[in-house]
Amino acid sequence: MKADEKIWFASDYMEGAHPEVMRRLEDTNLLHTPGYGMDAFSESAREKIRQACACPEAEIWFLSGGTQVNATVLTALLQPYQGVIAAGSGHINVHEAGAVEYGGHKVLALPHENGILRPETVEAFVKDFWADENREHMVMPGAVYISQPTEYGTLYSLRDLEALSRLCREYGMALYVDGARLAYALACPENDVQLSDLARLCDAFYIGGTKCGTLFGEALVFPKKGRIPHFYTMTKQHGAMLAKGRIAGVMFETLFSNDLYRRIGETAMLAAQRIRAALDDLGIEQVFGSTTNQIFIALDEKQLRDFGARVEMSFWEKRADGKTVMRLATSWATTGADVDALITVLSGNAG
């Protein structure tokens, strides 16, 4: 590493695609196929995902990116008078430029615990809504949105997911899971939620590709066939459909061959575990209790200045005690040499 060269840990989509994905794209580049995801590669990818989810009847759609998936799915799941419950930190509430509201649906943001929307919080909110005599003047909760892992890198447990699923069914709401970083949740040793659980408990969820080894694109899963009639048309209306749909099909077919999706998640998790151990040894504060590939650290002014000169990080928040919380993110592309270089910089700026 050159003295003036920065180490990149700002996010998990800074690189292109996994080499196996790139090779497969090159191998299939000049083949002629139908458009809009009607090709054999896309159908093969769908079948592999159905098998991975233990859900043979699932409908699988390949959309261009996470914001497009969230906006399209929530528009499809909600009635015009309904909104979607989310943690205040939820991606649809903070970092999607109001895309859900732009589509005509209010995000009903609730308190959270390090990114996790607790079932009891949801239940209290929904009960209060239905007990309110003025509810016809209010936005009805029609869906619950969560991310796995959360924006804080924390995980929903299977128990939490089952409780949220029960609540949604009791009150006639849809449960939707944003899986932008799902590969890293699945690879986390603390995780007990599998793809089959998502298929069993959710109305819709997506399997992230953009942050998990593809050039772009996400795989949306509707476990129940026919859950959203005419979703093809809705996808096109939202600008989320790829004319060259076979590109996404090829990429997801590759991710779900030879256990690649799990393997790339493990690469990121092993790197994150090494970094967390080094931070503990150096006494650098970690915050939010993240266990996945996102690591949040609190830095004083000197650490922020010295560390920031050598490492590309993401700003998270400024705390009342004067420290700044920054995010480090590992990915499928993080190498042992990257981690070694980061730890060297950390060691020089600890304390």
Protein backbone atom coordinates (compact mmCIF):
# COMPACT_ATOMS: atom_id res chain seq x y z
CA MET A 1 0.00 0.00 0.00
CA LYS A 2 1.37 3.44 -0.95
CA ALA A 3 1.73 6.04 1.78
CA ASP A 4 -0.86 8.34 0.21
CA GLU A 5 -3.28 5.58 -0.82
CA LYS A 6 -6.51 5.28 1.11
CA ILE A 7 -7.99 2.01 2.35
CA TRP A 8 -11.62 1.67 1.30
CA PHE A 9 -14.10 0.61 3.98
CA ALA A 10 -16.80 3.20 3.25
CA SER A 11 -19.47 0.80 2.03
CA ASP A 12 -20.11 -2.67 0.65
CA TYR A 13 -20.85 -1.71 -2.95
CA MET A 14 -17.67 0.15 -3.89
CA GLU A 15 -16.39 -2.65 -6.14
CA GLY A 16 -17.90 -4.14 -9.28
CA ALA A 17 -18.98 -7.78 -9.18
CA HIS A 18 -17.55 -11.02 -7.83
CA PRO A 19 -15.06 -12.57 -10.29
CA GLU A 20 -17.24 -15.65 -10.78
CA VAL A 21 -20.15 -13.38 -11.72
CA MET A 22 -17.97 -11.40 -14.13
CA ARG A 23 -16.69 -14.57 -15.78
CA ARG A 24 -20.22 -15.85 -16.29
CA LEU A 25 -21.31 -12.51 -17.77
CA GLU A 26 -18.39 -12.63 -20.19
CA ASP A 27 -19.10 -16.25 -21.15
CA THR A 28 -22.73 -15.43 -21.98
CA ASN A 29 -22.18 -11.94 -23.37
CA LEU A 30 -22.85 -12.58 -27.06
CA LEU A 31 -25.72 -15.02 -26.68
CA HIS A 32 -29.12 -13.95 -27.97
CA THR A 33 -31.96 -14.12 -25.42
CA PRO A 34 -35.44 -12.67 -24.91
CA GLY A 35 -35.67 -9.46 -22.86
CA TYR A 36 -37.35 -8.40 -19.64
CA GLY A 37 -36.30 -11.45 -17.63
CA MET A 38 -38.03 -13.95 -19.91
CA ASP A 39 -34.78 -15.77 -20.71
CA ALA A 40 -33.53 -19.19 -19.67
CA PHE A 41 -30.85 -17.76 -17.34
CA SER A 42 -33.44 -15.83 -15.35
CA GLU A 43 -35.69 -18.86 -15.10
CA SER A 44 -32.78 -21.00 -13.94
CA ALA A 45 -31.94 -18.37 -11.31
CA ARG A 46 -35.56 -18.34 -10.15
CA GLU A 47 -35.57 -22.08 -9.73
CA LYS A 48 -32.31 -22.02 -7.75
CA ILE A 49 -33.71 -19.33 -5.45
CA ARG A 50 -36.94 -21.29 -4.95
CA GLN A 51 -34.87 -24.29 -3.91
CA ALA A 52 -32.73 -22.20 -1.55
CA CYS A 53 -35.90 -20.79 0.05
CA ALA A 54 -37.63 -24.21 0.20
CA CYS A 55 -40.56 -22.50 -1.49
CA PRO A 56 -41.34 -24.19 -4.83
CA GLU A 57 -44.31 -21.95 -5.69
CA ALA A 58 -42.54 -18.62 -5.05
CA GLU A 59 -42.62 -15.84 -7.62
CA ILE A 60 -39.18 -14.31 -8.22
CA TRP A 61 -38.64 -10.93 -9.88
CA PHE A 62 -35.33 -9.23 -10.70
CA LEU A 63 -35.43 -5.47 -10.18
CA SER A 64 -32.78 -2.84 -10.78
CA GLY A 65 -31.98 -1.71 -7.22
CA GLY A 66 -33.06 -1.59 -3.59
CA THR A 67 -34.90 1.73 -3.60
CA GLN A 68 -36.83 0.67 -6.70
CA VAL A 69 -37.76 -2.64 -5.06
CA ASN A 70 -38.95 -0.97 -1.86
CA ALA A 71 -41.01 1.66 -3.64
CA THR A 72 -42.54 -0.81 -6.11
CA VAL A 73 -43.37 -3.50 -3.56
CA LEU A 74 -44.87 -1.16 -0.98
CA THR A 75 -46.99 0.55 -3.62
CA ALA A 76 -48.25 -2.88 -4.64
CA LEU A 77 -48.90 -4.13 -1.10
CA LEU A 78 -50.68 -1.04 0.22
CA GLN A 79 -54.09 0.43 -0.40
CA PRO A 80 -54.16 4.17 -1.22
CA TYR A 81 -55.22 5.03 2.35
CA GLN A 82 -52.54 2.92 4.04
CA GLY A 83 -48.99 3.54 5.23
CA VAL A 84 -46.07 1.34 6.19
CA ILE A 85 -44.66 0.91 9.68
CA ALA A 86 -40.87 1.10 9.87
CA ALA A 87 -38.15 1.77 12.39
CA GLY A 88 -37.18 5.43 12.51
CA SER A 89 -33.77 4.35 11.24
CA GLY A 90 -35.26 2.29 8.42
CA HIS A 91 -33.81 2.83 4.96
CA ILE A 92 -37.19 3.82 3.50
CA ASN A 93 -37.51 6.50 6.20
CA VAL A 94 -34.01 7.96 6.02
CA HIS A 95 -31.95 7.25 2.91
CA GLU A 96 -34.36 6.78 0.03
CA ALA A 97 -35.22 10.43 -0.61
CA GLY A 98 -38.87 9.93 0.29
CA ALA A 99 -39.43 7.38 -2.51
CA VAL A 100 -42.26 5.65 -0.65
CA GLU A 101 -43.97 8.96 0.15
CA TYR A 102 -43.47 10.03 -3.46
CA GLY A 103 -45.58 7.02 -4.39
CA GLY A 104 -48.37 8.24 -2.10
CA HIS A 105 -47.80 6.20 1.08
CA LYS A 106 -46.74 7.57 4.44
CA VAL A 107 -43.90 5.93 6.36
CA LEU A 108 -45.09 5.46 9.93
CA ALA A 109 -41.76 5.69 11.75
CA LEU A 110 -41.56 4.12 15.20
CA PRO A 111 -38.85 4.01 17.91
CA HIS A 112 -36.26 1.27 17.59
CA GLU A 113 -33.48 -0.42 19.55
CA ASN A 114 -30.25 -0.19 17.58
CA GLY A 115 -32.21 -0.46 14.35
CA ILE A 116 -34.55 -3.23 15.48
CA LEU A 117 -38.30 -2.63 15.46
CA ARG A 118 -39.59 -4.54 18.47
CA PRO A 119 -42.84 -6.52 18.08
CA GLU A 120 -44.25 -4.95 21.24
CA THR A 121 -43.66 -1.47 19.78
CA VAL A 122 -45.56 -2.41 16.64
CA GLU A 123 -48.37 -4.03 18.60
CA ALA A 124 -48.85 -0.99 20.83
CA PHE A 125 -48.98 1.34 17.81
CA VAL A 126 -51.48 -0.80 15.90
CA LYS A 127 -53.71 -1.34 18.94
CA ASP A 128 -53.76 2.41 19.58
CA PHE A 129 -54.70 3.04 15.95
CA TRP A 130 -57.67 0.68 16.00
CA ALA A 131 -58.81 1.98 19.41
CA ASP A 132 -58.77 5.59 18.20
CA GLU A 133 -62.26 6.85 17.36
CA ASN A 134 -60.70 9.29 14.88
CA ARG A 135 -58.89 6.57 12.93
CA GLU A 136 -60.86 7.24 9.73
CA HIS A 137 -59.01 10.58 9.60
CA MET A 138 -55.63 8.87 9.97
CA VAL A 139 -53.25 6.80 7.86
CA MET A 140 -54.00 3.12 8.39
CA PRO A 141 -51.01 0.82 9.00
CA GLY A 142 -51.07 -1.66 6.12
CA ALA A 143 -47.59 -3.16 6.18
CA VAL A 144 -44.50 -3.57 8.34
CA TYR A 145 -41.06 -2.97 6.82
CA ILE A 146 -37.86 -4.30 8.39
CA SER A 147 -34.29 -4.80 7.17
CA GLN A 148 -32.22 -7.95 7.76
CA PRO A 149 -29.61 -6.97 8.79
CA THR A 150 -30.73 -3.56 9.99
CA GLU A 151 -29.16 -0.25 9.05
CA TYR A 152 -27.17 -0.56 12.30
CA GLY A 153 -25.81 -3.98 11.35
CA THR A 154 -27.94 -5.73 13.96
CA LEU A 155 -30.09 -8.80 13.39
CA TYR A 156 -33.69 -9.78 13.90
CA SER A 157 -33.95 -13.10 15.67
CA LEU A 158 -36.25 -15.83 14.45
CA ARG A 159 -38.36 -15.22 17.54
CA ASP A 160 -38.74 -11.53 16.63
CA LEU A 161 -39.60 -12.38 13.04
CA GLU A 162 -42.21 -14.93 14.11
CA ALA A 163 -43.77 -12.40 16.49
CA LEU A 164 -43.93 -9.73 13.78
CA SER A 165 -45.43 -12.22 11.36
CA ARG A 166 -48.16 -13.16 13.86
CA LEU A 167 -48.97 -9.50 14.48
CA CYS A 168 -49.21 -8.76 10.78
CA ARG A 169 -51.56 -11.65 10.19
CA GLU A 170 -53.69 -10.73 13.19
CA TYR A 171 -54.13 -7.14 12.02
CA GLY A 172 -54.27 -7.76 8.27
CA MET A 173 -50.90 -6.18 7.48
CA ALA A 174 -48.19 -7.36 5.08
CA LEU A 175 -44.70 -8.15 6.37
CA TYR A 176 -41.91 -7.07 4.03
CA VAL A 177 -38.17 -7.59 4.56
CA ASP A 178 -35.45 -5.53 2.89
CA GLY A 179 -32.51 -7.89 2.32
CA ALA A 180 -30.03 -5.50 0.73
CA ARG A 181 -27.24 -7.07 2.83
CA LEU A 182 -28.87 -10.45 3.33
CA ALA A 183 -25.74 -12.46 2.42
CA TYR A 184 -23.97 -10.96 5.44
CA ALA A 185 -26.89 -11.71 7.76
CA LEU A 186 -27.03 -15.33 6.60
CA ALA A 187 -23.28 -15.75 7.19
CA CYS A 188 -23.29 -14.21 10.66
CA PRO A 189 -22.70 -16.78 13.43
CA GLU A 190 -25.35 -15.08 15.60
CA ASN A 191 -28.02 -15.38 12.92
CA ASP A 192 -30.86 -17.90 13.29
CA VAL A 193 -33.09 -16.70 10.41
CA GLN A 194 -32.72 -18.64 7.17
CA LEU A 195 -34.15 -18.06 3.70
CA SER A 196 -36.79 -20.70 4.36
CA ASP A 197 -37.92 -18.75 7.45
CA LEU A 198 -38.30 -15.57 5.42
CA ALA A 199 -40.35 -17.47 2.85
CA ARG A 200 -42.53 -18.98 5.57
CA LEU A 201 -43.14 -15.81 7.58
CA CYS A 202 -43.12 -12.89 5.11
CA ASP A 203 -45.38 -11.64 2.37
CA ALA A 204 -42.38 -10.43 0.40
CA PHE A 205 -38.63 -10.06 0.81
CA TYR A 206 -35.68 -9.41 -1.41
CA ILE A 207 -32.27 -10.98 -1.71
CA GLY A 208 -29.65 -8.30 -2.14
CA GLY A 209 -27.28 -8.40 -5.09
CA THR A 210 -25.92 -4.86 -5.38
CA LYS A 211 -24.16 -5.07 -2.00
CA CYS A 212 -23.59 -8.81 -2.27
CA GLY A 213 -21.58 -9.61 -5.37
CA THR A 214 -23.50 -8.38 -8.42
CA LEU A 215 -22.97 -5.29 -10.55
CA PHE A 216 -26.53 -4.26 -9.69
CA GLY A 217 -29.95 -5.77 -9.12
CA GLU A 218 -32.00 -7.47 -6.42
CA ALA A 219 -34.06 -10.66 -6.39
CA LEU A 220 -37.55 -10.07 -5.04
CA VAL A 221 -39.43 -13.06 -3.62
CA PHE A 222 -43.19 -13.37 -3.21
CA PRO A 223 -43.56 -16.71 -1.38
CA LYS A 224 -47.25 -16.95 -2.30
CA LYS A 225 -47.86 -17.21 -6.02
CA GLY A 226 -50.23 -14.53 -7.29
CA ARG A 227 -49.83 -12.36 -4.18
CA ILE A 228 -49.65 -9.24 -6.36
CA PRO A 229 -51.51 -9.49 -9.68
CA HIS A 230 -49.94 -7.60 -12.61
CA PHE A 231 -46.67 -7.01 -10.74
CA TYR A 232 -44.81 -7.14 -14.06
CA THR A 233 -46.65 -4.01 -15.18
CA MET A 234 -46.13 -2.27 -11.84
CA THR A 235 -42.41 -2.92 -12.06
CA LYS A 236 -42.28 -1.24 -15.44
CA GLN A 237 -44.32 1.72 -14.18
CA HIS A 238 -41.74 2.27 -11.45
CA GLY A 239 -38.77 2.17 -13.82
CA ALA A 240 -37.44 -0.89 -12.02
CA MET A 241 -37.54 -3.32 -14.92
CA LEU A 242 -34.42 -4.23 -16.90
CA ALA A 243 -34.85 -4.57 -20.68
CA LYS A 244 -31.71 -6.72 -20.67
CA GLY A 245 -33.16 -8.77 -17.86
CA ARG A 246 -30.90 -11.68 -18.62
CA ILE A 247 -27.99 -9.77 -17.05
CA ALA A 248 -29.62 -9.98 -13.62
CA GLY A 249 -30.62 -13.57 -14.34
CA VAL A 250 -27.04 -14.57 -15.14
CA MET A 251 -25.72 -12.84 -12.02
CA PHE A 252 -28.23 -14.42 -9.62
CA GLU A 253 -27.91 -17.81 -11.28
CA THR A 254 -24.19 -17.56 -10.49
CA LEU A 255 -24.72 -16.36 -6.92
CA PHE A 256 -26.96 -19.35 -6.25
CA SER A 257 -24.63 -21.90 -7.81
CA ASN A 258 -21.88 -23.68 -5.89
CA ASP A 259 -22.99 -22.03 -2.63
CA LEU A 260 -21.49 -18.70 -3.75
CA TYR A 261 -23.99 -16.46 -1.94
CA ARG A 262 -23.11 -18.06 1.39
CA ARG A 263 -19.38 -18.06 0.66
CA ILE A 264 -19.19 -14.36 -0.16
CA GLY A 265 -21.08 -13.58 3.02
CA GLU A 266 -18.54 -15.55 5.02
CA THR A 267 -15.67 -13.60 3.45
CA ALA A 268 -17.17 -10.33 4.71
CA MET A 269 -17.93 -11.76 8.13
CA LEU A 270 -14.43 -13.16 8.70
CA ALA A 271 -12.97 -9.76 7.85
CA ALA A 272 -15.41 -7.99 10.16
CA GLN A 273 -14.61 -10.35 13.03
CA ARG A 274 -10.89 -9.63 12.70
CA ILE A 275 -11.54 -5.90 12.71
CA ARG A 276 -13.80 -6.09 15.77
CA ALA A 277 -11.19 -8.09 17.68
CA ALA A 278 -8.53 -5.50 16.82
CA LEU A 279 -10.82 -2.65 17.93
CA ASP A 280 -11.39 -4.41 21.25
CA ASP A 281 -7.65 -4.90 21.74
CA LEU A 282 -7.00 -1.23 20.97
CA GLY A 283 -9.79 0.07 23.18
CA ILE A 284 -11.62 1.82 20.35
CA GLU A 285 -15.30 2.10 21.16
CA GLN A 286 -17.76 0.13 19.05
CA VAL A 287 -21.40 1.19 19.09
CA PHE A 288 -24.87 -0.20 18.29
CA GLY A 289 -23.93 -3.85 18.92
CA SER A 290 -23.59 -4.67 15.23
CA THR A 291 -22.68 -8.29 14.54
CA THR A 292 -22.67 -8.30 10.74
CA ASN A 293 -20.45 -6.60 8.14
CA GLN A 294 -21.07 -3.03 9.29
CA ILE A 295 -18.90 -1.81 12.14
CA PHE A 296 -19.60 1.49 13.91
CA ILE A 297 -16.83 3.21 15.87
CA ALA A 298 -16.78 6.36 18.01
CA LEU A 299 -13.72 8.55 17.34
CA ASP A 300 -12.41 11.66 19.05
CA GLU A 301 -11.25 14.61 16.96
CA LYS A 302 -7.64 13.44 16.66
CA GLN A 303 -8.60 9.88 15.75
CA LEU A 304 -11.11 11.15 13.22
CA ARG A 305 -8.55 13.43 11.60
CA ASP A 306 -5.65 10.95 11.55
CA PHE A 307 -7.70 7.87 10.78
CA GLY A 308 -9.80 9.66 8.18
CA ALA A 309 -6.69 10.70 6.29
CA ARG A 310 -5.86 7.04 5.65
CA VAL A 311 -9.20 5.23 5.60
CA GLU A 312 -12.34 5.90 3.57
CA MET A 313 -15.26 5.60 6.02
CA SER A 314 -18.91 6.68 6.15
CA PHE A 315 -20.11 9.40 8.51
CA TRP A 316 -22.95 8.26 10.74
CA GLU A 317 -23.60 10.84 13.45
CA LYS A 318 -22.09 13.40 15.78
CA ARG A 319 -22.60 12.56 19.45
CA ALA A 320 -23.28 14.94 22.33
CA ASP A 321 -19.96 13.93 23.96
CA GLY A 322 -18.07 15.36 20.97
CA LYS A 323 -17.17 12.02 19.43
CA THR A 324 -18.10 11.18 15.86
CA VAL A 325 -19.60 7.81 14.93
CA MET A 326 -18.20 6.47 11.66
CA ARG A 327 -19.04 3.30 9.79
CA LEU A 328 -16.65 0.71 8.40
CA ALA A 329 -18.10 -1.91 6.07
CA THR A 330 -16.55 -5.14 4.85
CA SER A 331 -17.78 -6.96 1.77
CA TRP A 332 -17.32 -9.99 -0.43
CA ALA A 333 -14.28 -8.19 -1.89
CA THR A 334 -12.47 -7.41 1.38
CA THR A 335 -9.08 -9.12 1.45
CA GLY A 336 -6.80 -10.14 4.28
CA ALA A 337 -4.36 -7.48 3.09
CA ASP A 338 -7.11 -4.85 3.37
CA VAL A 339 -7.77 -5.87 6.96
CA ASP A 340 -4.05 -5.92 7.80
CA ALA A 341 -3.65 -2.40 6.43
CA LEU A 342 -6.67 -1.16 8.36
CA ILE A 343 -5.45 -2.65 11.64
CA THR A 344 -2.05 -1.03 11.09
CA VAL A 345 -3.68 2.37 10.72
CA LEU A 346 -5.93 1.73 13.72
CA SER A 347 -2.95 0.79 15.85
CA GLY A 348 -1.19 4.02 14.99
CA ASN A 349 -4.17 6.16 15.92
CA ALA A 350 -5.62 4.41 18.95
CA GLY A 351 -5.62 6.17 22.28
